[in-house]
Protein backbone atom coordinates (compact mmCIF):
# COMPACT_ATOMS: atom_id res chain seq x y z
CA MET A 1 4.43 18.16 15.29
CA PRO A 2 3.92 18.24 11.50
CA MET A 3 0.82 19.91 10.22
CA GLY A 4 -1.33 18.51 7.46
CA PRO A 5 -2.37 14.98 6.61
CA VAL A 6 -0.63 11.91 7.97
CA LYS A 7 1.67 10.16 5.50
CA VAL A 8 1.60 6.36 5.38
CA VAL A 9 4.20 4.43 3.38
CA PHE A 10 3.40 0.92 2.17
CA ALA A 11 6.57 -1.00 1.32
CA CYS A 12 7.39 -4.41 -0.07
CA ILE A 13 10.42 -5.67 -1.97
CA ARG A 14 9.45 -5.12 -5.62
CA ASN A 15 6.66 -2.52 -5.21
CA SER A 16 4.89 -4.52 -7.90
CA GLY A 17 1.99 -6.13 -6.05
CA ARG A 18 1.03 -5.76 -2.43
CA SER A 19 2.18 -2.22 -1.74
CA PRO A 20 0.61 -0.66 -4.87
CA MET A 21 -2.66 -2.41 -3.99
CA ALA A 22 -2.49 -1.11 -0.42
CA GLY A 23 -1.71 2.43 -1.54
CA ALA A 24 -4.60 2.43 -4.00
CA PHE A 25 -7.06 1.11 -1.42
CA PHE A 26 -5.84 3.51 1.25
CA ASN A 27 -6.13 6.57 -0.97
CA ARG A 28 -9.66 5.56 -2.00
CA VAL A 29 -11.01 5.15 1.56
CA ALA A 30 -8.99 7.71 3.53
CA ASP A 31 -9.98 11.35 3.73
CA PRO A 32 -7.05 13.07 1.97
CA SER A 33 -7.24 15.97 4.41
CA LEU A 34 -6.46 13.49 7.20
CA ALA A 35 -4.10 10.90 5.66
CA TYR A 36 -2.65 9.69 2.39
CA ALA A 37 -0.46 6.82 1.25
CA VAL A 38 2.52 6.28 -1.00
CA SER A 39 4.09 2.97 -1.92
CA ALA A 40 7.66 1.97 -2.66
CA GLY A 41 9.99 -1.01 -2.60
CA THR A 42 13.44 -1.96 -1.41
CA ASP A 43 14.33 -3.52 -4.80
CA PRO A 44 11.63 -2.30 -7.20
CA GLY A 45 10.55 -4.27 -10.23
CA SER A 46 10.04 -2.85 -13.70
CA LYS A 47 6.23 -2.88 -13.63
CA VAL A 48 3.24 -3.81 -11.50
CA HIS A 49 2.58 -7.51 -11.92
CA PRO A 50 0.01 -8.11 -14.69
CA GLU A 51 -2.02 -10.45 -12.47
CA VAL A 52 -2.28 -7.65 -9.88
CA VAL A 53 -3.35 -5.14 -12.55
CA ALA A 54 -6.04 -7.62 -13.70
CA ALA A 55 -7.35 -8.34 -10.19
CA MET A 56 -7.51 -4.66 -9.29
CA LYS A 57 -9.18 -3.74 -12.58
CA GLU A 58 -12.01 -6.17 -11.72
CA ILE A 59 -12.99 -3.94 -8.81
CA GLY A 60 -12.49 -0.55 -10.45
CA PHE A 61 -8.83 0.27 -9.80
CA ASP A 62 -6.55 1.03 -12.75
CA LEU A 63 -2.92 0.34 -11.88
CA THR A 64 -1.69 0.32 -15.48
CA ARG A 65 0.10 3.65 -15.03
CA GLU A 66 1.66 2.75 -11.69
CA ARG A 67 5.44 2.37 -11.80
CA PRO A 68 7.40 0.67 -9.03
CA ARG A 69 9.83 2.95 -7.25
CA ILE A 70 12.56 2.61 -4.70
CA LEU A 71 11.95 3.72 -1.14
CA THR A 72 14.11 6.83 -0.87
CA ASP A 73 14.67 9.25 1.98
CA GLU A 74 12.51 11.70 0.05
CA ILE A 75 9.57 9.25 -0.12
CA ALA A 76 9.99 8.37 3.55
CA TYR A 77 10.29 12.01 4.64
CA ARG A 78 7.68 12.89 7.25
CA ALA A 79 6.07 9.46 7.14
CA ALA A 80 4.11 8.80 10.32
CA TRP A 81 3.71 5.11 9.47
CA ILE A 82 5.51 2.49 7.44
CA ILE A 83 3.63 -0.71 6.72
CA THR A 84 5.90 -3.44 5.38
CA MET A 85 4.71 -6.53 3.55
CA GLY A 86 6.90 -9.57 3.23
CA CYS A 87 10.30 -7.96 2.86
CA GLY A 88 11.88 -9.89 5.76
CA GLU A 89 15.43 -8.79 6.55
CA SER A 90 15.34 -6.13 3.84
CA CYS A 91 12.39 -4.30 5.42
CA PRO A 92 13.26 -0.63 5.69
CA VAL A 93 13.46 1.37 8.88
CA VAL A 94 12.12 4.89 8.71
CA PRO A 95 13.30 6.96 11.68
CA GLY A 96 10.41 8.55 13.54
CA ALA A 97 7.74 6.46 11.82
CA GLN A 98 5.61 3.89 13.56
CA ARG A 99 5.92 0.49 11.93
CA ASP A 100 3.70 -2.49 11.33
CA ASP A 101 4.37 -5.59 9.26
CA TRP A 102 1.61 -7.36 7.38
CA PRO A 103 2.73 -10.89 6.43
CA ILE A 104 0.82 -11.07 3.16
CA GLN A 105 1.60 -13.60 0.42
CA ASP A 106 3.35 -12.29 -2.70
CA PRO A 107 0.89 -12.28 -5.64
CA HIS A 108 3.61 -12.56 -8.31
CA GLU A 109 2.92 -15.36 -10.81
CA GLN A 110 -0.02 -16.65 -8.78
CA GLU A 111 -3.29 -17.79 -10.33
CA LEU A 112 -5.93 -15.08 -10.54
CA ALA A 113 -8.04 -16.74 -7.82
CA THR A 114 -5.08 -16.52 -5.43
CA VAL A 115 -4.38 -12.91 -6.41
CA ARG A 116 -8.03 -12.06 -5.71
CA ARG A 117 -7.72 -13.57 -2.23
CA ILE A 118 -4.52 -11.58 -1.60
CA ARG A 119 -6.20 -8.41 -2.97
CA ASP A 120 -9.16 -8.89 -0.64
CA GLU A 121 -6.85 -9.45 2.35
CA VAL A 122 -4.94 -6.26 1.55
CA ARG A 123 -8.21 -4.35 1.16
CA ALA A 124 -9.55 -5.63 4.51
CA ARG A 125 -6.31 -4.77 6.33
CA VAL A 126 -6.22 -1.29 4.83
CA GLN A 127 -9.86 -0.64 5.73
CA ALA A 128 -9.28 -1.82 9.32
CA PHE A 129 -6.17 0.38 9.58
CA VAL A 130 -8.02 3.45 8.28
CA ASP A 131 -10.98 2.74 10.56
CA ALA A 132 -8.73 2.26 13.61
CA HIS A 133 -7.26 5.73 13.09
CA ALA A 134 -10.53 7.43 12.10
CA TRP A 135 -9.05 8.57 8.79
CA GLY A 136 -12.05 7.53 6.68
CA ARG A 137 -13.89 9.75 4.28
CA LYS A 138 -17.05 11.31 5.64
CA THR A 139 -19.02 10.00 2.65
CA ALA A 140 -19.55 6.31 1.98
CA ASN A 141 -16.66 5.73 -0.44
CA LYS A 142 -15.41 2.35 0.74
CA ALA A 143 -13.00 0.38 -1.44
């Protein structure tokens, strides 16, 4: 059994919207000594969608330096969980990792009001996931 914090991988196709949001939320609310998240995509884009950057900035998250990346064996190494979001048939399989799929709408080229709704859904799912596994920070640092 691996020692140290649990690794959670959030994956979508482009790694330009949903998975970077999920990773940011997770790493804000989870106790890093218990669990941490990384995000990646099966066919990464060139940048995080500007509408996602704007919606996240509204609530105190700066994704301007985030760069989409491909889900490699190195990123998946020792992942306890992989959470996929809308990648359908191209969803990755990570041997040894538990898997869940969150059917969340793609925020790309959506109006800001829609991106906010998607952002809030991602945040709620992440918080519920962290709470269900008791990985939350001991202090009140909710996303």
